[in-house]
Structure formats: structure tokens, C-alpha cells
Amino acid sequence: GMGGVGKTTLAMLVFHDDKVQQKFNVRAWVCVGEEFDVLKVAKTVIEEITSSRCDKNSLNSAQQHLRSKLTGMKFLVVLDDFWSNNYTAWANFLIPFRCGSEGSKILVTTRSEKIANMVKGFHYQAYNLSALNDEDCWVVFANHAFLSGERLAFEKVAREIVK
């Protein structure tokens, strides 16, 4: 979905949800950004799931270490703000994740439909998050911004803010 619609916020809500936390043995959050450095991202996943610094300097050693940590584990890995459409890098990145137990998930947030389709090509599902319409946006805003009696007094001004 386009920038600002709440992809990262929604992913964070899922990642930090108590029920979600209980379903996964290990979880990792990685903000990827424009440059998809497979070694750097693999090392960040290792650091997230082990809570210790990863000193691996080659992709092969990092992936072996990651594989050893994920084998038999049910994991959730969030790759936030993913920009790269490098199919080969994506395929290489996924190698150590094949050893996780059933139900393991990799959640990717991206603005690009091309990247979503690339990820889907690896038997993943894509969801398009679109912006709220004005009325839905107003409801969310009003429910969080006002105390019960204030809503009507400020509705006209607040609706302009929401637009």
C-alpha cells in the first residue's frame, strides 16, 4: 500500500499482540529500507532472536547460525519497509527459514506491488492495505481524540482536520 496508510503500524500491532506472541517461539523485527543487504538483515534477525550481537562476517556462516537457531522453532519475522525487488537476494535470504516449524511466518511491509508479487511467488499471500475513507477516518479520530461530551462541540473543526 501507499506510504502513510499504516502498514508499519498494523504490523507492529500484530507483532506485539499477546496472542501472537504466545503462538511463536521466536520473533524478530527488521526495518529493511531501500537497500536489501541479505547478510545485514540475517544478522539483525539473529540478534533479535538471540538478544546478543552477531559477529558472523559471511552470508554462509550467518545463514548456518540462523538455521541452527530456527530449526524446529515456530518463528515470526517482520521485514518492515522492504524496497528491493531483487529476486535472487530474496531467494537467498529465505534459505535458512525453511527449517522452521509449521506455522512460521515472514511478514513483509512494502509500498511496491511488484515486491508484493515477488514475495507471493514464494507461496506467500499478499494483502493490500488502502487508505481509510473520510467517514472511517473520522470515526477512528473521534473515538480516540474526544471525551464523551466533547465530540459534538468540536465535530466541524475535527472533520476538517481529518480531511
N, C-alpha and C. Protein backbone atom coordinates (compact mmCIF):
# COMPACT_ATOMS: atom_id res chain seq x y z
N GLY A 1 0.81 -1.19 0.00
CA GLY A 1 0.00 0.00 0.00
C GLY A 1 0.85 1.25 0.00
N MET A 2 0.24 2.36 -0.32
CA MET A 2 0.97 3.62 -0.41
C MET A 2 1.50 4.06 0.95
N GLY A 3 2.46 4.97 0.94
CA GLY A 3 3.06 5.46 2.17
C GLY A 3 2.04 6.14 3.06
N GLY A 4 2.12 5.87 4.35
CA GLY A 4 1.26 6.54 5.31
C GLY A 4 -0.07 5.89 5.60
N VAL A 5 -0.38 4.75 4.96
CA VAL A 5 -1.68 4.12 5.20
C VAL A 5 -1.69 3.28 6.47
N GLY A 6 -0.52 3.02 7.04
CA GLY A 6 -0.49 2.29 8.31
C GLY A 6 0.05 0.88 8.25
N LYS A 7 0.82 0.56 7.23
CA LYS A 7 1.37 -0.80 7.10
C LYS A 7 2.25 -1.15 8.30
N THR A 8 3.16 -0.25 8.64
CA THR A 8 4.06 -0.49 9.77
C THR A 8 3.28 -0.54 11.08
N THR A 9 2.35 0.37 11.25
CA THR A 9 1.54 0.39 12.48
C THR A 9 0.76 -0.90 12.64
N LEU A 10 0.14 -1.37 11.58
CA LEU A 10 -0.60 -2.63 11.64
C LEU A 10 0.33 -3.80 11.94
N ALA A 11 1.48 -3.83 11.27
CA ALA A 11 2.45 -4.90 11.52
C ALA A 11 2.92 -4.88 12.97
N MET A 12 3.13 -3.68 13.53
CA MET A 12 3.54 -3.56 14.94
C MET A 12 2.46 -4.08 15.88
N LEU A 13 1.22 -3.75 15.57
CA LEU A 13 0.11 -4.24 16.41
C LEU A 13 0.07 -5.76 16.40
N VAL A 14 0.26 -6.35 15.24
CA VAL A 14 0.28 -7.82 15.13
C VAL A 14 1.48 -8.37 15.89
N PHE A 15 2.65 -7.81 15.67
CA PHE A 15 3.89 -8.29 16.27
C PHE A 15 3.83 -8.26 17.79
N HIS A 16 3.24 -7.22 18.36
CA HIS A 16 3.21 -7.05 19.82
C HIS A 16 1.95 -7.61 20.48
N ASP A 17 1.02 -8.13 19.71
CA ASP A 17 -0.20 -8.70 20.26
C ASP A 17 0.12 -9.90 21.15
N ASP A 18 -0.50 -9.95 22.32
CA ASP A 18 -0.24 -11.03 23.29
C ASP A 18 -0.50 -12.41 22.70
N LYS A 19 -1.60 -12.56 21.98
CA LYS A 19 -1.93 -13.87 21.39
C LYS A 19 -0.90 -14.27 20.34
N VAL A 20 -0.45 -13.31 19.56
CA VAL A 20 0.57 -13.59 18.54
C VAL A 20 1.88 -13.99 19.23
N GLN A 21 2.26 -13.27 20.27
CA GLN A 21 3.50 -13.59 20.99
C GLN A 21 3.47 -15.02 21.53
N GLN A 22 2.32 -15.46 22.00
CA GLN A 22 2.19 -16.81 22.56
C GLN A 22 2.30 -17.89 21.49
N LYS A 23 1.99 -17.57 20.25
CA LYS A 23 1.98 -18.58 19.18
C LYS A 23 3.36 -18.85 18.59
N PHE A 24 4.33 -17.97 18.85
CA PHE A 24 5.65 -18.10 18.22
C PHE A 24 6.74 -18.26 19.27
N ASN A 25 7.66 -19.21 19.02
CA ASN A 25 8.80 -19.41 19.91
C ASN A 25 9.77 -18.23 19.84
N VAL A 26 9.98 -17.74 18.63
CA VAL A 26 10.89 -16.61 18.43
C VAL A 26 10.28 -15.61 17.46
N ARG A 27 10.62 -14.33 17.71
CA ARG A 27 10.11 -13.26 16.85
C ARG A 27 11.24 -12.27 16.59
N ALA A 28 11.22 -11.70 15.40
CA ALA A 28 12.22 -10.69 15.05
C ALA A 28 11.59 -9.61 14.20
N TRP A 29 12.00 -8.38 14.44
CA TRP A 29 11.54 -7.23 13.67
C TRP A 29 12.77 -6.59 13.03
N VAL A 30 12.73 -6.41 11.70
CA VAL A 30 13.84 -5.79 10.99
C VAL A 30 13.30 -4.70 10.08
N CYS A 31 13.80 -3.48 10.24
CA CYS A 31 13.49 -2.41 9.31
C CYS A 31 14.52 -2.50 8.19
N VAL A 32 14.07 -2.87 7.00
CA VAL A 32 14.97 -3.17 5.90
C VAL A 32 15.37 -1.90 5.14
N GLY A 33 14.41 -1.11 4.71
CA GLY A 33 14.72 0.10 3.96
C GLY A 33 15.02 -0.17 2.49
N GLU A 34 15.63 0.81 1.85
CA GLU A 34 15.84 0.74 0.40
C GLU A 34 16.88 -0.27 -0.03
N GLU A 35 17.91 -0.48 0.79
CA GLU A 35 18.97 -1.43 0.42
C GLU A 35 18.77 -2.75 1.15
N PHE A 36 18.54 -3.81 0.41
CA PHE A 36 18.35 -5.14 0.99
C PHE A 36 19.68 -5.87 1.01
N ASP A 37 20.40 -5.71 2.12
CA ASP A 37 21.67 -6.39 2.32
C ASP A 37 21.35 -7.70 3.05
N VAL A 38 21.40 -8.82 2.35
CA VAL A 38 20.98 -10.11 2.90
C VAL A 38 21.77 -10.44 4.16
N LEU A 39 23.07 -10.23 4.16
CA LEU A 39 23.89 -10.52 5.34
C LEU A 39 23.47 -9.65 6.52
N LYS A 40 23.31 -8.36 6.29
CA LYS A 40 22.92 -7.44 7.36
C LYS A 40 21.56 -7.81 7.95
N VAL A 41 20.61 -8.13 7.10
CA VAL A 41 19.27 -8.49 7.58
C VAL A 41 19.31 -9.82 8.33
N ALA A 42 20.05 -10.80 7.82
CA ALA A 42 20.18 -12.09 8.51
C ALA A 42 20.81 -11.89 9.88
N LYS A 43 21.85 -11.05 9.97
CA LYS A 43 22.49 -10.78 11.25
C LYS A 43 21.53 -10.09 12.22
N THR A 44 20.72 -9.18 11.71
CA THR A 44 19.74 -8.50 12.56
C THR A 44 18.71 -9.48 13.09
N VAL A 45 18.25 -10.41 12.25
CA VAL A 45 17.31 -11.44 12.72
C VAL A 45 17.97 -12.25 13.83
N ILE A 46 19.21 -12.67 13.63
CA ILE A 46 19.93 -13.43 14.66
C ILE A 46 19.99 -12.64 15.96
N GLU A 47 20.36 -11.37 15.88
CA GLU A 47 20.47 -10.53 17.07
C GLU A 47 19.12 -10.36 17.76
N GLU A 48 18.06 -10.25 16.99
CA GLU A 48 16.72 -10.12 17.57
C GLU A 48 16.30 -11.38 18.31
N ILE A 49 16.59 -12.54 17.74
CA ILE A 49 16.10 -13.78 18.36
C ILE A 49 17.02 -14.31 19.45
N THR A 50 18.28 -13.86 19.46
CA THR A 50 19.22 -14.34 20.49
C THR A 50 19.50 -13.28 21.55
N SER A 51 19.10 -12.05 21.30
CA SER A 51 19.40 -10.91 22.18
C SER A 51 20.90 -10.76 22.42
N SER A 52 21.69 -11.13 21.42
CA SER A 52 23.14 -10.93 21.52
C SER A 52 23.69 -10.54 20.15
N ARG A 53 24.85 -9.92 20.17
CA ARG A 53 25.48 -9.43 18.94
C ARG A 53 25.91 -10.60 18.05
N CYS A 54 25.69 -10.45 16.76
CA CYS A 54 26.12 -11.47 15.79
C CYS A 54 27.41 -11.00 15.13
N ASP A 55 28.46 -11.81 15.27
CA ASP A 55 29.76 -11.43 14.71
C ASP A 55 30.10 -12.17 13.42
N LYS A 56 29.11 -12.79 12.81
CA LYS A 56 29.34 -13.52 11.56
C LYS A 56 29.64 -12.53 10.44
N ASN A 57 30.67 -12.83 9.65
CA ASN A 57 31.09 -11.90 8.60
C ASN A 57 30.78 -12.38 7.19
N SER A 58 30.31 -13.61 7.06
CA SER A 58 29.95 -14.10 5.74
C SER A 58 28.49 -14.53 5.75
N LEU A 59 27.86 -14.44 4.59
CA LEU A 59 26.46 -14.83 4.49
C LEU A 59 26.29 -16.30 4.84
N ASN A 60 27.20 -17.14 4.38
CA ASN A 60 27.10 -18.57 4.64
C ASN A 60 27.13 -18.86 6.15
N SER A 61 28.07 -18.26 6.87
CA SER A 61 28.16 -18.53 8.31
C SER A 61 26.95 -17.95 9.05
N ALA A 62 26.48 -16.78 8.64
CA ALA A 62 25.30 -16.19 9.27
C ALA A 62 24.08 -17.06 9.03
N GLN A 63 23.93 -17.57 7.80
CA GLN A 63 22.78 -18.41 7.50
C GLN A 63 22.84 -19.74 8.24
N GLN A 64 24.03 -20.31 8.38
CA GLN A 64 24.16 -21.55 9.15
C GLN A 64 23.77 -21.31 10.61
N HIS A 65 24.24 -20.20 11.16
CA HIS A 65 23.90 -19.85 12.54
C HIS A 65 22.39 -19.62 12.69
N LEU A 66 21.81 -18.90 11.74
CA LEU A 66 20.38 -18.64 11.77
C LEU A 66 19.60 -19.94 11.65
N ARG A 67 20.02 -20.82 10.76
CA ARG A 67 19.36 -22.12 10.59
C ARG A 67 19.39 -22.89 11.91
N SER A 68 20.52 -22.88 12.60
CA SER A 68 20.63 -23.61 13.87
C SER A 68 19.69 -23.04 14.93
N LYS A 69 19.45 -21.74 14.88
CA LYS A 69 18.56 -21.10 15.86
C LYS A 69 17.08 -21.31 15.51
N LEU A 70 16.78 -21.51 14.23
CA LEU A 70 15.38 -21.62 13.80
C LEU A 70 14.89 -23.06 13.66
N THR A 71 15.79 -24.02 13.61
CA THR A 71 15.40 -25.41 13.39
C THR A 71 14.39 -25.85 14.44
N GLY A 72 13.24 -26.28 13.97
CA GLY A 72 12.19 -26.77 14.86
C GLY A 72 11.44 -25.69 15.60
N MET A 73 11.76 -24.44 15.36
CA MET A 73 11.10 -23.34 16.05
C MET A 73 10.00 -22.75 15.18
N LYS A 74 8.96 -22.27 15.83
CA LYS A 74 7.91 -21.55 15.13
C LYS A 74 8.24 -20.07 15.27
N PHE A 75 8.52 -19.42 14.14
CA PHE A 75 9.00 -18.04 14.20
C PHE A 75 8.09 -17.07 13.47
N LEU A 76 8.18 -15.82 13.88
CA LEU A 76 7.55 -14.69 13.19
C LEU A 76 8.66 -13.68 12.92
N VAL A 77 8.89 -13.39 11.66
CA VAL A 77 9.88 -12.38 11.28
C VAL A 77 9.16 -11.30 10.48
N VAL A 78 9.29 -10.06 10.93
CA VAL A 78 8.71 -8.93 10.21
C VAL A 78 9.84 -8.20 9.50
N LEU A 79 9.69 -8.04 8.20
CA LEU A 79 10.62 -7.24 7.39
C LEU A 79 9.86 -5.98 6.99
N ASP A 80 10.12 -4.91 7.69
CA ASP A 80 9.37 -3.68 7.51
C ASP A 80 10.04 -2.77 6.49
N ASP A 81 9.24 -2.10 5.69
CA ASP A 81 9.70 -1.11 4.72
C ASP A 81 10.65 -1.72 3.70
N PHE A 82 10.20 -2.78 3.06
CA PHE A 82 11.00 -3.56 2.11
C PHE A 82 10.90 -2.93 0.73
N TRP A 83 12.03 -2.59 0.12
CA TRP A 83 12.04 -1.90 -1.17
C TRP A 83 12.64 -2.70 -2.31
N SER A 84 13.41 -3.73 -2.03
CA SER A 84 14.18 -4.41 -3.07
C SER A 84 13.34 -5.42 -3.84
N ASN A 85 13.45 -5.39 -5.16
CA ASN A 85 12.78 -6.40 -5.98
C ASN A 85 13.80 -7.37 -6.57
N ASN A 86 14.92 -7.54 -5.87
CA ASN A 86 15.97 -8.46 -6.30
C ASN A 86 15.56 -9.88 -5.93
N TYR A 87 15.07 -10.60 -6.92
CA TYR A 87 14.55 -11.96 -6.73
C TYR A 87 15.61 -12.89 -6.16
N THR A 88 16.83 -12.81 -6.68
CA THR A 88 17.91 -13.69 -6.23
C THR A 88 18.25 -13.44 -4.77
N ALA A 89 18.35 -12.17 -4.38
CA ALA A 89 18.64 -11.84 -2.98
C ALA A 89 17.53 -12.36 -2.07
N TRP A 90 16.28 -12.21 -2.49
CA TRP A 90 15.14 -12.69 -1.70
C TRP A 90 15.20 -14.21 -1.55
N ALA A 91 15.46 -14.91 -2.64
CA ALA A 91 15.55 -16.38 -2.60
C ALA A 91 16.69 -16.82 -1.68
N ASN A 92 17.83 -16.15 -1.75
CA ASN A 92 18.95 -16.48 -0.87
C ASN A 92 18.63 -16.20 0.59
N PHE A 93 17.93 -15.11 0.83
CA PHE A 93 17.56 -14.75 2.20
C PHE A 93 16.70 -15.83 2.84
N LEU A 94 15.79 -16.42 2.06
CA LEU A 94 14.83 -17.39 2.60
C LEU A 94 15.43 -18.73 2.98
N ILE A 95 16.62 -19.06 2.49
CA ILE A 95 17.19 -20.40 2.68
C ILE A 95 17.15 -20.88 4.13
N PRO A 96 17.66 -20.14 5.11
CA PRO A 96 17.66 -20.68 6.48
C PRO A 96 16.28 -20.74 7.13
N PHE A 97 15.30 -20.09 6.55
CA PHE A 97 13.97 -20.06 7.15
C PHE A 97 13.16 -21.31 6.83
N ARG A 98 13.64 -22.13 5.93
CA ARG A 98 12.92 -23.35 5.55
C ARG A 98 12.92 -24.39 6.66
N CYS A 99 13.78 -24.23 7.64
CA CYS A 99 13.90 -25.24 8.70
C CYS A 99 12.98 -24.95 9.88
N GLY A 100 12.25 -23.86 9.84
CA GLY A 100 11.33 -23.55 10.93
C GLY A 100 10.16 -24.51 10.95
N SER A 101 9.47 -24.56 12.07
CA SER A 101 8.35 -25.48 12.17
C SER A 101 7.12 -24.91 11.47
N GLU A 102 6.14 -25.78 11.27
CA GLU A 102 4.91 -25.39 10.58
C GLU A 102 4.24 -24.23 11.31
N GLY A 103 3.74 -23.30 10.54
CA GLY A 103 3.08 -22.14 11.11
C GLY A 103 3.99 -20.93 11.24
N SER A 104 5.27 -21.10 10.92
CA SER A 104 6.20 -19.97 10.94
C SER A 104 5.79 -18.97 9.87
N LYS A 105 6.05 -17.69 10.12
CA LYS A 105 5.61 -16.63 9.21
C LYS A 105 6.70 -15.59 9.00
N ILE A 106 6.75 -15.07 7.78
CA ILE A 106 7.54 -13.89 7.45
C ILE A 106 6.55 -12.86 6.94
N LEU A 107 6.46 -11.72 7.63
CA LEU A 107 5.55 -10.65 7.27
C LEU A 107 6.38 -9.52 6.66
N VAL A 108 6.04 -9.11 5.45
CA VAL A 108 6.78 -8.07 4.74
C VAL A 108 5.86 -6.88 4.51
N THR A 109 6.33 -5.68 4.89
CA THR A 109 5.58 -4.48 4.53
C THR A 109 6.33 -3.78 3.40
N THR A 110 5.58 -3.35 2.40
CA THR A 110 6.18 -2.68 1.24
C THR A 110 5.16 -1.77 0.58
N ARG A 111 5.65 -0.76 -0.10
CA ARG A 111 4.79 0.10 -0.90
C ARG A 111 4.59 -0.47 -2.30
N SER A 112 5.45 -1.38 -2.69
CA SER A 112 5.52 -1.83 -4.08
C SER A 112 4.69 -3.08 -4.36
N GLU A 113 3.81 -2.97 -5.33
CA GLU A 113 3.04 -4.14 -5.76
C GLU A 113 3.95 -5.17 -6.41
N LYS A 114 4.99 -4.71 -7.09
CA LYS A 114 5.95 -5.61 -7.72
C LYS A 114 6.65 -6.48 -6.67
N ILE A 115 7.03 -5.87 -5.56
CA ILE A 115 7.68 -6.62 -4.48
C ILE A 115 6.68 -7.57 -3.84
N ALA A 116 5.47 -7.12 -3.63
CA ALA A 116 4.44 -8.00 -3.06
C ALA A 116 4.24 -9.22 -3.95
N ASN A 117 4.23 -9.01 -5.25
CA ASN A 117 4.08 -10.14 -6.18
C ASN A 117 5.29 -11.06 -6.16
N MET A 118 6.49 -10.49 -5.99
CA MET A 118 7.69 -11.31 -5.89
C MET A 118 7.62 -12.20 -4.64
N VAL A 119 7.22 -11.61 -3.53
CA VAL A 119 7.09 -12.36 -2.28
C VAL A 119 6.01 -13.43 -2.42
N LYS A 120 4.90 -13.08 -3.07
CA LYS A 120 3.81 -14.05 -3.31
C LYS A 120 4.29 -15.24 -4.11
N GLY A 121 5.24 -15.01 -4.99
CA GLY A 121 5.78 -16.08 -5.83
C GLY A 121 6.43 -17.19 -5.03
N PHE A 122 6.72 -16.93 -3.77
CA PHE A 122 7.32 -17.93 -2.89
C PHE A 122 6.25 -18.54 -1.97
N HIS A 123 5.03 -18.60 -2.46
CA HIS A 123 3.90 -19.21 -1.76
C HIS A 123 3.49 -18.42 -0.51
N TYR A 124 3.63 -17.12 -0.58
CA TYR A 124 3.15 -16.26 0.48
C TYR A 124 1.91 -15.54 -0.03
N GLN A 125 1.16 -14.96 0.87
CA GLN A 125 -0.06 -14.25 0.49
C GLN A 125 0.16 -12.75 0.66
N ALA A 126 -0.39 -11.96 -0.24
CA ALA A 126 -0.26 -10.51 -0.17
C ALA A 126 -1.61 -9.89 0.21
N TYR A 127 -1.55 -8.85 1.01
CA TYR A 127 -2.73 -8.08 1.38
C TYR A 127 -2.45 -6.62 1.04
N ASN A 128 -3.37 -5.99 0.35
CA ASN A 128 -3.21 -4.58 0.01
C ASN A 128 -3.92 -3.74 1.05
N LEU A 129 -3.17 -2.90 1.72
CA LEU A 129 -3.74 -2.02 2.73
C LEU A 129 -3.99 -0.67 2.08
N SER A 130 -5.23 -0.24 2.07
CA SER A 130 -5.55 1.04 1.43
C SER A 130 -5.95 2.06 2.49
N ALA A 131 -5.97 3.32 2.08
CA ALA A 131 -6.31 4.41 3.00
C ALA A 131 -7.78 4.31 3.41
N LEU A 132 -8.07 4.81 4.60
CA LEU A 132 -9.46 4.87 5.06
C LEU A 132 -10.20 5.97 4.30
N ASN A 133 -11.50 5.74 4.08
CA ASN A 133 -12.29 6.82 3.50
C ASN A 133 -12.53 7.87 4.59
N ASP A 134 -13.05 9.04 4.20
CA ASP A 134 -13.20 10.15 5.15
C ASP A 134 -14.04 9.77 6.37
N GLU A 135 -15.12 9.05 6.16
CA GLU A 135 -16.01 8.71 7.28
C GLU A 135 -15.34 7.74 8.25
N ASP A 136 -14.68 6.72 7.73
CA ASP A 136 -13.98 5.77 8.61
C ASP A 136 -12.84 6.47 9.36
N CYS A 137 -12.15 7.37 8.67
CA CYS A 137 -11.08 8.13 9.30
C CYS A 137 -11.63 8.99 10.44
N TRP A 138 -12.77 9.60 10.19
CA TRP A 138 -13.42 10.42 11.21
C TRP A 138 -13.78 9.58 12.44
N VAL A 139 -14.34 8.42 12.23
CA VAL A 139 -14.73 7.55 13.35
C VAL A 139 -13.52 7.18 14.20
N VAL A 140 -12.43 6.79 13.56
CA VAL A 140 -11.21 6.44 14.30
C VAL A 140 -10.71 7.65 15.08
N PHE A 141 -10.63 8.79 14.40
CA PHE A 141 -10.16 10.02 15.04
C PHE A 141 -11.04 10.40 16.23
N ALA A 142 -12.34 10.43 16.02
CA ALA A 142 -13.27 10.85 17.07
C ALA A 142 -13.23 9.92 18.27
N ASN A 143 -13.11 8.63 18.03
CA ASN A 143 -13.07 7.67 19.14
C ASN A 143 -11.81 7.81 19.98
N HIS A 144 -10.75 8.34 19.41
CA HIS A 144 -9.50 8.47 20.16
C HIS A 144 -9.22 9.89 20.64
N ALA A 145 -9.83 10.87 20.02
CA ALA A 145 -9.48 12.26 20.32
C ALA A 145 -10.37 12.92 21.36
N PHE A 146 -11.59 12.44 21.52
CA PHE A 146 -12.54 13.16 22.35
C PHE A 146 -13.02 12.36 23.54
N LEU A 147 -13.31 13.10 24.61
CA LEU A 147 -14.06 12.53 25.71
C LEU A 147 -15.51 12.49 25.26
N SER A 148 -16.33 11.76 25.98
CA SER A 148 -17.70 11.51 25.51
C SER A 148 -18.49 12.77 25.18
N GLY A 149 -18.39 13.83 25.94
CA GLY A 149 -19.20 15.01 25.70
C GLY A 149 -18.60 16.01 24.73
N GLU A 150 -17.34 15.86 24.38
CA GLU A 150 -16.66 16.84 23.53
C GLU A 150 -16.91 16.66 22.04
N ARG A 151 -17.29 15.50 21.64
CA ARG A 151 -17.34 15.16 20.21
C ARG A 151 -18.18 16.13 19.39
N LEU A 152 -19.39 16.41 19.83
CA LEU A 152 -20.28 17.28 19.06
C LEU A 152 -19.77 18.72 19.01
N ALA A 153 -19.21 19.19 20.10
CA ALA A 153 -18.75 20.58 20.16
C ALA A 153 -17.64 20.86 19.15
N PHE A 154 -16.81 19.89 18.89
CA PHE A 154 -15.66 20.09 18.01
C PHE A 154 -15.78 19.37 16.66
N GLU A 155 -16.95 18.81 16.37
CA GLU A 155 -17.07 17.95 15.19
C GLU A 155 -16.72 18.66 13.88
N LYS A 156 -17.22 19.87 13.67
CA LYS A 156 -16.98 20.56 12.39
C LYS A 156 -15.48 20.78 12.17
N VAL A 157 -14.80 21.31 13.16
CA VAL A 157 -13.36 21.58 13.05
C VAL A 157 -12.60 20.26 12.91
N ALA A 158 -12.98 19.28 13.69
CA ALA A 158 -12.28 17.99 13.67
C ALA A 158 -12.42 17.30 12.33
N ARG A 159 -13.58 17.38 11.71
CA ARG A 159 -13.77 16.75 10.39
C ARG A 159 -12.86 17.41 9.34
N GLU A 160 -12.64 18.71 9.47
CA GLU A 160 -11.73 19.39 8.54
C GLU A 160 -10.29 18.92 8.75
N ILE A 161 -9.93 18.70 10.00
CA ILE A 161 -8.58 18.20 10.31
C ILE A 161 -8.38 16.82 9.70
N VAL A 162 -9.38 15.97 9.84
CA VAL A 162 -9.29 14.61 9.33
C VAL A 162 -9.12 14.59 7.82
N LYS A 163 -9.81 15.51 7.12
CA LYS A 163 -9.70 15.55 5.65
C LYS A 163 -8.30 15.93 5.24
